[in-house]
Amino acid sequence: MREGVRATDRATATGEGVRRRNGSGPGRSGPPPRKDPRRPRTTPTTAAPPTTPLTPPAPHNTTTTSGTPASHGVAARPTTTPPTTPTPLTVTRAAAVSRSAAAAAACRQRDRLPRYWFANRLVLTLSGQRPVHTLLGHALPAAYDRLIELAPHAPLRPAAGRATAPVVRRCGEYQPRHGVIEAFARIASGDRLSALAFRLELGADARWRCAAIDLGPLAQMVPDGS
């Protein structure tokens, strides 16, 4: 009896195994579908979009301000010099130079005036630094003759042992009428002061000429040529 039941169970298990291999079983009914050779089997697939690998951009060949190539991938930074703060001594020197330049410009502008121009030329001649003929054409005959008498003695020459050349400290003027200037100058040579007076007249050619010269006490020290 038991042997018959076991045989039946083996037969049942064998039949189920055959059905499973043949495609039958739970969830499927009937024989497996036949393949149609006229229709190729296609399996829909979802194509993934092509991916492009990210390539880092090529580093630029940058150069720093000093001329040294910068490292790749690092932006070049220009080298800057911090501003220097002027010191009080620098400011003082700059102010002194500015004042000196302004004084020199004012002096050049002053020397263009007729009275200063003639005063400087007369001092150079009467101190022996320039010959008399440098004033030829700038003096009338009477004044030129007086210069010829005074120039050899150089009354404005510095005293012995003094190397300071005479300079015009100040020169004023008085105009009694149009075309006439009576000028008076103060000449300094070291600690010695001298006076110089002269007369200018405006010619028909619009040029100033020296018409008279007076040295005051210094003229008395010059012997009379007559």
C-alpha atoms as a PDB file:
ATOM      1  CA  MET A   1       0.000   0.000   0.000  1.00  0.00           C
ATOM      2  CA  ARG A   2       2.742   2.386   0.931  1.00  0.00           C
ATOM      3  CA  GLU A   3       4.767   1.453  -2.077  1.00  0.00           C
ATOM      4  CA  GLY A   4       1.859   2.358  -4.381  1.00  0.00           C
ATOM      5  CA  VAL A   5       1.477   5.796  -2.822  1.00  0.00           C
ATOM      6  CA  ARG A   6       5.188   6.501  -3.203  1.00  0.00           C
ATOM      7  CA  ALA A   7       5.099   5.444  -6.845  1.00  0.00           C
ATOM      8  CA  THR A   8       2.151   7.726  -7.446  1.00  0.00           C
ATOM      9  CA  ASP A   9       3.969  10.674  -5.787  1.00  0.00           C
ATOM     10  CA  ARG A  10       7.066  10.075  -7.932  1.00  0.00           C
ATOM     11  CA  ALA A  11       4.961   9.992 -11.064  1.00  0.00           C
ATOM     12  CA  THR A  12       3.215  13.228 -10.107  1.00  0.00           C
ATOM     13  CA  ALA A  13       6.532  14.950  -9.365  1.00  0.00           C
ATOM     14  CA  THR A  14       7.967  13.701 -12.636  1.00  0.00           C
ATOM     15  CA  GLY A  15       4.961  15.046 -14.570  1.00  0.00           C
ATOM     16  CA  GLU A  16       5.234  18.496 -12.957  1.00  0.00           C
ATOM     17  CA  GLY A  17       8.935  18.646 -13.796  1.00  0.00           C
ATOM     18  CA  VAL A  18       8.187  17.809 -17.420  1.00  0.00           C
ATOM     19  CA  ARG A  19       5.474  20.517 -17.579  1.00  0.00           C
ATOM     20  CA  ARG A  20       7.818  23.112 -16.110  1.00  0.00           C
ATOM     21  CA  ARG A  21      10.518  22.298 -18.680  1.00  0.00           C
ATOM     22  CA  ASN A  22       7.958  22.495 -21.468  1.00  0.00           C
ATOM     23  CA  GLY A  23       6.788  25.950 -20.378  1.00  0.00           C
ATOM     24  CA  SER A  24       3.650  24.943 -18.563  1.00  0.00           C
ATOM     25  CA  GLY A  25       3.055  25.668 -14.976  1.00  0.00           C
ATOM     26  CA  PRO A  26       1.530  28.349 -12.755  1.00  0.00           C
ATOM     27  CA  GLY A  27       0.959  31.659 -14.571  1.00  0.00           C
ATOM     28  CA  ARG A  28       1.157  30.127 -18.075  1.00  0.00           C
ATOM     29  CA  SER A  29      -1.504  28.195 -19.982  1.00  0.00           C
ATOM     30  CA  GLY A  30      -1.184  26.148 -23.122  1.00  0.00           C
ATOM     31  CA  PRO A  31       1.847  25.361 -25.196  1.00  0.00           C
ATOM     32  CA  PRO A  32       4.625  27.967 -25.672  1.00  0.00           C
ATOM     33  CA  PRO A  33       4.113  30.433 -28.561  1.00  0.00           C
ATOM     34  CA  ARG A  34       5.775  29.662 -31.834  1.00  0.00           C
ATOM     35  CA  LYS A  35       8.339  32.024 -33.246  1.00  0.00           C
ATOM     36  CA  ASP A  36       7.507  33.744 -36.537  1.00  0.00           C
ATOM     37  CA  PRO A  37      10.614  33.583 -38.745  1.00  0.00           C
ATOM     38  CA  ARG A  38       9.319  36.461 -40.918  1.00  0.00           C
ATOM     39  CA  ARG A  39       9.436  39.000 -38.109  1.00  0.00           C
ATOM     40  CA  PRO A  40      12.789  39.570 -36.471  1.00  0.00           C
ATOM     41  CA  ARG A  41      12.718  39.850 -32.787  1.00  0.00           C
ATOM     42  CA  THR A  42      13.583  43.352 -31.648  1.00  0.00           C
ATOM     43  CA  THR A  43      14.103  44.457 -28.144  1.00  0.00           C
ATOM     44  CA  PRO A  44      13.394  48.145 -27.564  1.00  0.00           C
ATOM     45  CA  THR A  45      16.277  49.783 -25.788  1.00  0.00           C
ATOM     46  CA  THR A  46      16.617  53.268 -24.513  1.00  0.00           C
ATOM     47  CA  ALA A  47      19.815  54.769 -25.925  1.00  0.00           C
ATOM     48  CA  ALA A  48      21.663  56.903 -23.434  1.00  0.00           C
ATOM     49  CA  PRO A  49      22.755  60.295 -24.734  1.00  0.00           C
ATOM     50  CA  PRO A  50      26.396  60.334 -25.684  1.00  0.00           C
ATOM     51  CA  THR A  51      28.518  61.896 -23.061  1.00  0.00           C
ATOM     52  CA  THR A  52      31.391  64.173 -24.031  1.00  0.00           C
ATOM     53  CA  PRO A  53      34.274  64.094 -21.613  1.00  0.00           C
ATOM     54  CA  LEU A  54      35.007  67.451 -20.080  1.00  0.00           C
ATOM     55  CA  THR A  55      38.396  68.656 -21.179  1.00  0.00           C
ATOM     56  CA  PRO A  56      39.935  71.389 -19.053  1.00  0.00           C
ATOM     57  CA  PRO A  57      40.873  74.477 -21.077  1.00  0.00           C
ATOM     58  CA  ALA A  58      44.501  74.884 -21.954  1.00  0.00           C
ATOM     59  CA  PRO A  59      46.241  77.267 -19.567  1.00  0.00           C
ATOM     60  CA  HIS A  60      47.251  80.591 -21.060  1.00  0.00           C
ATOM     61  CA  ASN A  61      50.892  81.453 -21.212  1.00  0.00           C
ATOM     62  CA  THR A  62      50.665  84.452 -18.933  1.00  0.00           C
ATOM     63  CA  THR A  63      53.632  86.488 -17.870  1.00  0.00           C
ATOM     64  CA  THR A  64      53.977  88.563 -14.774  1.00  0.00           C
ATOM     65  CA  THR A  65      55.013  92.196 -14.804  1.00  0.00           C
ATOM     66  CA  SER A  66      58.595  91.271 -13.946  1.00  0.00           C
ATOM     67  CA  GLY A  67      58.866  89.077 -17.090  1.00  0.00           C
ATOM     68  CA  THR A  68      58.758  85.675 -15.320  1.00  0.00           C
ATOM     69  CA  PRO A  69      56.198  83.206 -16.780  1.00  0.00           C
ATOM     70  CA  ALA A  70      53.340  82.551 -14.385  1.00  0.00           C
ATOM     71  CA  SER A  71      52.447  79.036 -13.285  1.00  0.00           C
ATOM     72  CA  HIS A  72      49.795  77.213 -15.343  1.00  0.00           C
ATOM     73  CA  GLY A  73      46.303  77.528 -14.005  1.00  0.00           C
ATOM     74  CA  VAL A  74      47.151  80.503 -11.777  1.00  0.00           C
ATOM     75  CA  ALA A  75      46.271  84.035 -12.863  1.00  0.00           C
ATOM     76  CA  ALA A  76      49.241  86.381 -13.071  1.00  0.00           C
ATOM     77  CA  ARG A  77      49.131  89.207 -10.572  1.00  0.00           C
ATOM     78  CA  PRO A  78      50.927  92.423 -11.508  1.00  0.00           C
ATOM     79  CA  THR A  79      53.525  93.498  -9.034  1.00  0.00           C
ATOM     80  CA  THR A  80      52.788  96.922  -7.590  1.00  0.00           C
ATOM     81  CA  THR A  81      55.087  99.153  -5.600  1.00  0.00           C
ATOM     82  CA  PRO A  82      53.461 100.705  -2.553  1.00  0.00           C
ATOM     83  CA  PRO A  83      53.403 104.513  -2.706  1.00  0.00           C
ATOM     84  CA  THR A  84      56.112 106.195  -0.736  1.00  0.00           C
ATOM     85  CA  THR A  85      55.148 108.833   1.763  1.00  0.00           C
ATOM     86  CA  PRO A  86      57.302 111.961   1.379  1.00  0.00           C
ATOM     87  CA  THR A  87      59.315 112.762   4.443  1.00  0.00           C
ATOM     88  CA  PRO A  88      59.370 116.267   5.930  1.00  0.00           C
ATOM     89  CA  LEU A  89      62.954 116.688   4.713  1.00  0.00           C
ATOM     90  CA  THR A  90      61.925 115.842   1.151  1.00  0.00           C
ATOM     91  CA  VAL A  91      59.029 118.297   1.296  1.00  0.00           C
ATOM     92  CA  THR A  92      61.349 121.012   2.638  1.00  0.00           C
ATOM     93  CA  ARG A  93      63.890 120.448  -0.129  1.00  0.00           C
ATOM     94  CA  ALA A  94      61.187 120.475  -2.805  1.00  0.00           C
ATOM     95  CA  ALA A  95      59.808 123.740  -1.430  1.00  0.00           C
ATOM     96  CA  ALA A  96      63.298 125.267  -1.393  1.00  0.00           C
ATOM     97  CA  VAL A  97      63.915 124.225  -5.005  1.00  0.00           C
ATOM     98  CA  SER A  98      60.550 125.659  -6.013  1.00  0.00           C
ATOM     99  CA  ARG A  99      61.328 128.977  -4.316  1.00  0.00           C
ATOM    100  CA  SER A 100      64.752 129.122  -5.958  1.00  0.00           C
ATOM    101  CA  ALA A 101      63.268 128.460  -9.393  1.00  0.00           C
ATOM    102  CA  ALA A 102      60.625 131.152  -8.857  1.00  0.00           C
ATOM    103  CA  ALA A 103      63.283 133.652  -7.716  1.00  0.00           C
ATOM    104  CA  ALA A 104      65.472 132.875 -10.750  1.00  0.00           C
ATOM    105  CA  ALA A 105      62.536 133.360 -13.112  1.00  0.00           C
ATOM    106  CA  ALA A 106      61.646 136.688 -11.452  1.00  0.00           C
ATOM    107  CA  CYS A 107      65.282 137.803 -11.728  1.00  0.00           C
ATOM    108  CA  ARG A 108      65.390 136.996 -15.449  1.00  0.00           C
ATOM    109  CA  GLN A 109      62.168 138.887 -15.988  1.00  0.00           C
ATOM    110  CA  ARG A 110      63.559 141.883 -14.058  1.00  0.00           C
ATOM    111  CA  ASP A 111      66.809 141.932 -16.048  1.00  0.00           C
ATOM    112  CA  ARG A 112      64.821 142.484 -19.252  1.00  0.00           C
ATOM    113  CA  LEU A 113      63.806 145.953 -18.069  1.00  0.00           C
ATOM    114  CA  PRO A 114      65.870 148.749 -19.711  1.00  0.00           C
ATOM    115  CA  ARG A 115      67.257 150.164 -16.449  1.00  0.00           C
ATOM    116  CA  TYR A 116      68.401 146.745 -15.165  1.00  0.00           C
ATOM    117  CA  TRP A 117      69.820 145.723 -18.536  1.00  0.00           C
ATOM    118  CA  PHE A 118      71.996 148.863 -18.731  1.00  0.00           C
ATOM    119  CA  ALA A 119      72.934 148.731 -15.031  1.00  0.00           C
ATOM    120  CA  ASN A 120      74.288 145.181 -15.412  1.00  0.00           C
ATOM    121  CA  ARG A 121      76.248 146.092 -18.583  1.00  0.00           C
ATOM    122  CA  LEU A 122      77.734 149.225 -17.014  1.00  0.00           C
ATOM    123  CA  VAL A 123      78.816 147.294 -13.900  1.00  0.00           C
ATOM    124  CA  LEU A 124      80.561 144.647 -16.014  1.00  0.00           C
ATOM    125  CA  THR A 125      82.401 147.368 -17.957  1.00  0.00           C
ATOM    126  CA  LEU A 126      83.329 149.557 -14.974  1.00  0.00           C
ATOM    127  CA  SER A 127      84.583 146.544 -12.961  1.00  0.00           C
ATOM    128  CA  GLY A 128      86.953 145.375 -15.700  1.00  0.00           C
ATOM    129  CA  GLN A 129      84.960 142.221 -16.594  1.00  0.00           C
ATOM    130  CA  ARG A 130      83.926 143.403 -20.071  1.00  0.00           C
ATOM    131  CA  PRO A 131      85.651 145.730 -22.565  1.00  0.00           C
ATOM    132  CA  VAL A 132      84.163 149.118 -23.374  1.00  0.00           C
ATOM    133  CA  HIS A 133      83.335 148.284 -26.972  1.00  0.00           C
ATOM    134  CA  THR A 134      80.599 145.867 -25.798  1.00  0.00           C
ATOM    135  CA  LEU A 135      78.523 149.024 -25.210  1.00  0.00           C
ATOM    136  CA  LEU A 136      79.261 150.462 -28.623  1.00  0.00           C
ATOM    137  CA  GLY A 137      75.920 151.251 -30.200  1.00  0.00           C
ATOM    138  CA  HIS A 138      74.212 151.272 -26.770  1.00  0.00           C
ATOM    139  CA  ALA A 139      75.635 154.645 -25.656  1.00  0.00           C
ATOM    140  CA  LEU A 140      75.524 158.126 -27.108  1.00  0.00           C
ATOM    141  CA  PRO A 141      78.885 159.772 -27.948  1.00  0.00           C
ATOM    142  CA  ALA A 142      79.193 161.781 -24.705  1.00  0.00           C
ATOM    143  CA  ALA A 143      78.445 158.760 -22.510  1.00  0.00           C
ATOM    144  CA  TYR A 144      80.716 156.509 -24.554  1.00  0.00           C
ATOM    145  CA  ASP A 145      83.626 158.927 -24.179  1.00  0.00           C
ATOM    146  CA  ARG A 146      83.074 158.973 -20.417  1.00  0.00           C
ATOM    147  CA  LEU A 147      83.180 155.174 -20.348  1.00  0.00           C
ATOM    148  CA  ILE A 148      86.477 155.200 -22.202  1.00  0.00           C
ATOM    149  CA  GLU A 149      87.888 157.425 -19.436  1.00  0.00           C
ATOM    150  CA  LEU A 150      86.523 155.363 -16.544  1.00  0.00           C
ATOM    151  CA  ALA A 151      86.956 151.791 -17.808  1.00  0.00           C
ATOM    152  CA  PRO A 152      90.779 151.559 -17.570  1.00  0.00           C
ATOM    153  CA  HIS A 153      90.654 152.411 -13.852  1.00  0.00           C
ATOM    154  CA  ALA A 154      87.783 149.964 -13.146  1.00  0.00           C
ATOM    155  CA  PRO A 155      86.278 152.015 -10.281  1.00  0.00           C
ATOM    156  CA  LEU A 156      83.804 149.215  -9.455  1.00  0.00           C
ATOM    157  CA  ARG A 157      86.472 146.530  -9.210  1.00  0.00           C
ATOM    158  CA  PRO A 158      86.414 144.620  -5.883  1.00  0.00           C
ATOM    159  CA  ALA A 159      88.917 145.752  -3.284  1.00  0.00           C
ATOM    160  CA  ALA A 160      92.180 143.884  -2.892  1.00  0.00           C
ATOM    161  CA  GLY A 161      91.761 140.488  -1.272  1.00  0.00           C
ATOM    162  CA  ARG A 162      88.045 140.263  -2.140  1.00  0.00           C
ATOM    163  CA  ALA A 163      86.920 137.864  -4.828  1.00  0.00           C
ATOM    164  CA  THR A 164      83.268 138.834  -4.757  1.00  0.00           C
ATOM    165  CA  ALA A 165      82.229 140.361  -8.083  1.00  0.00           C
ATOM    166  CA  PRO A 166      79.958 143.418  -7.898  1.00  0.00           C
ATOM    167  CA  VAL A 167      76.257 142.829  -8.534  1.00  0.00           C
ATOM    168  CA  VAL A 168      73.244 145.074  -8.945  1.00  0.00           C
ATOM    169  CA  ARG A 169      71.176 144.844  -5.794  1.00  0.00           C
ATOM    170  CA  ARG A 170      68.463 147.272  -6.760  1.00  0.00           C
ATOM    171  CA  CYS A 171      67.827 149.771  -9.515  1.00  0.00           C
ATOM    172  CA  GLY A 172      65.135 152.421  -9.452  1.00  0.00           C
ATOM    173  CA  GLU A 173      64.043 154.899 -12.079  1.00  0.00           C
ATOM    174  CA  TYR A 174      62.416 158.244 -12.576  1.00  0.00           C
ATOM    175  CA  GLN A 175      60.863 159.393 -15.870  1.00  0.00           C
ATOM    176  CA  PRO A 176      60.819 163.208 -16.147  1.00  0.00           C
ATOM    177  CA  ARG A 177      59.151 162.892 -19.543  1.00  0.00           C
ATOM    178  CA  HIS A 178      58.335 160.304 -22.151  1.00  0.00           C
ATOM    179  CA  GLY A 179      61.413 158.715 -23.679  1.00  0.00           C
ATOM    180  CA  VAL A 180      63.746 159.617 -20.792  1.00  0.00           C
ATOM    181  CA  ILE A 181      64.722 157.449 -17.794  1.00  0.00           C
ATOM    182  CA  GLU A 182      66.949 158.636 -14.961  1.00  0.00           C
ATOM    183  CA  ALA A 183      68.090 155.485 -13.161  1.00  0.00           C
ATOM    184  CA  PHE A 184      69.990 154.984  -9.931  1.00  0.00           C
ATOM    185  CA  ALA A 185      71.459 151.632  -8.938  1.00  0.00           C
ATOM    186  CA  ARG A 186      72.953 150.227  -5.743  1.00  0.00           C
ATOM    187  CA  ILE A 187      76.007 148.065  -6.402  1.00  0.00           C
ATOM    188  CA  ALA A 188      77.201 145.521  -3.838  1.00  0.00           C
ATOM    189  CA  SER A 189      80.633 143.915  -3.714  1.00  0.00           C
ATOM    190  CA  GLY A 190      80.960 141.901  -0.540  1.00  0.00           C
ATOM    191  CA  ASP A 191      80.200 144.303   2.318  1.00  0.00           C
ATOM    192  CA  ARG A 192      80.936 147.402   0.206  1.00  0.00           C
ATOM    193  CA  LEU A 193      78.088 149.365  -1.422  1.00  0.00           C
ATOM    194  CA  SER A 194      78.515 151.762  -4.338  1.00  0.00           C
ATOM    195  CA  ALA A 195      76.145 154.037  -6.217  1.00  0.00           C
ATOM    196  CA  LEU A 196      75.725 154.339  -9.958  1.00  0.00           C
ATOM    197  CA  ALA A 197      73.497 156.822 -11.754  1.00  0.00           C
ATOM    198  CA  PHE A 198      72.857 156.971 -15.489  1.00  0.00           C
ATOM    199  CA  ARG A 199      70.464 158.476 -17.970  1.00  0.00           C
ATOM    200  CA  LEU A 200      68.673 156.616 -20.772  1.00  0.00           C
ATOM    201  CA  GLU A 201      67.070 158.168 -23.836  1.00  0.00           C
ATOM    202  CA  LEU A 202      64.740 156.519 -26.331  1.00  0.00           C
ATOM    203  CA  GLY A 203      65.875 156.998 -29.931  1.00  0.00           C
ATOM    204  CA  ALA A 204      63.846 157.351 -33.095  1.00  0.00           C
ATOM    205  CA  ASP A 205      64.460 153.655 -33.795  1.00  0.00           C
ATOM    206  CA  ALA A 206      62.678 152.738 -30.510  1.00  0.00           C
ATOM    207  CA  ARG A 207      65.960 151.698 -28.864  1.00  0.00           C
ATOM    208  CA  TRP A 208      67.234 152.868 -25.486  1.00  0.00           C
ATOM    209  CA  ARG A 209      70.756 154.325 -25.260  1.00  0.00           C
ATOM    210  CA  CYS A 210      72.859 155.533 -22.363  1.00  0.00           C
ATOM    211  CA  ALA A 211      73.246 159.331 -22.470  1.00  0.00           C
ATOM    212  CA  ALA A 212      75.136 160.071 -19.211  1.00  0.00           C
ATOM    213  CA  ILE A 213      76.962 158.269 -16.374  1.00  0.00           C
ATOM    214  CA  ASP A 214      77.690 159.402 -12.819  1.00  0.00           C
ATOM    215  CA  LEU A 215      79.614 157.438 -10.170  1.00  0.00           C
ATOM    216  CA  GLY A 216      79.454 160.044  -7.418  1.00  0.00           C
ATOM    217  CA  PRO A 217      82.500 159.934  -5.096  1.00  0.00           C
ATOM    218  CA  LEU A 218      84.102 157.140  -7.130  1.00  0.00           C
ATOM    219  CA  ALA A 219      84.327 159.429 -10.142  1.00  0.00           C
ATOM    220  CA  GLN A 220      86.510 161.869  -8.155  1.00  0.00           C
ATOM    221  CA  MET A 221      89.099 159.107  -7.614  1.00  0.00           C
ATOM    222  CA  VAL A 222      89.548 158.742 -11.347  1.00  0.00           C
ATOM    223  CA  PRO A 223      92.108 161.195 -12.733  1.00  0.00           C
ATOM    224  CA  ASP A 224      90.889 163.575 -15.379  1.00  0.00           C
ATOM    225  CA  GLY A 225      92.122 162.549 -18.759  1.00  0.00           C
ATOM    226  CA  SER A 226      92.320 166.129 -19.902  1.00  0.00           C
END
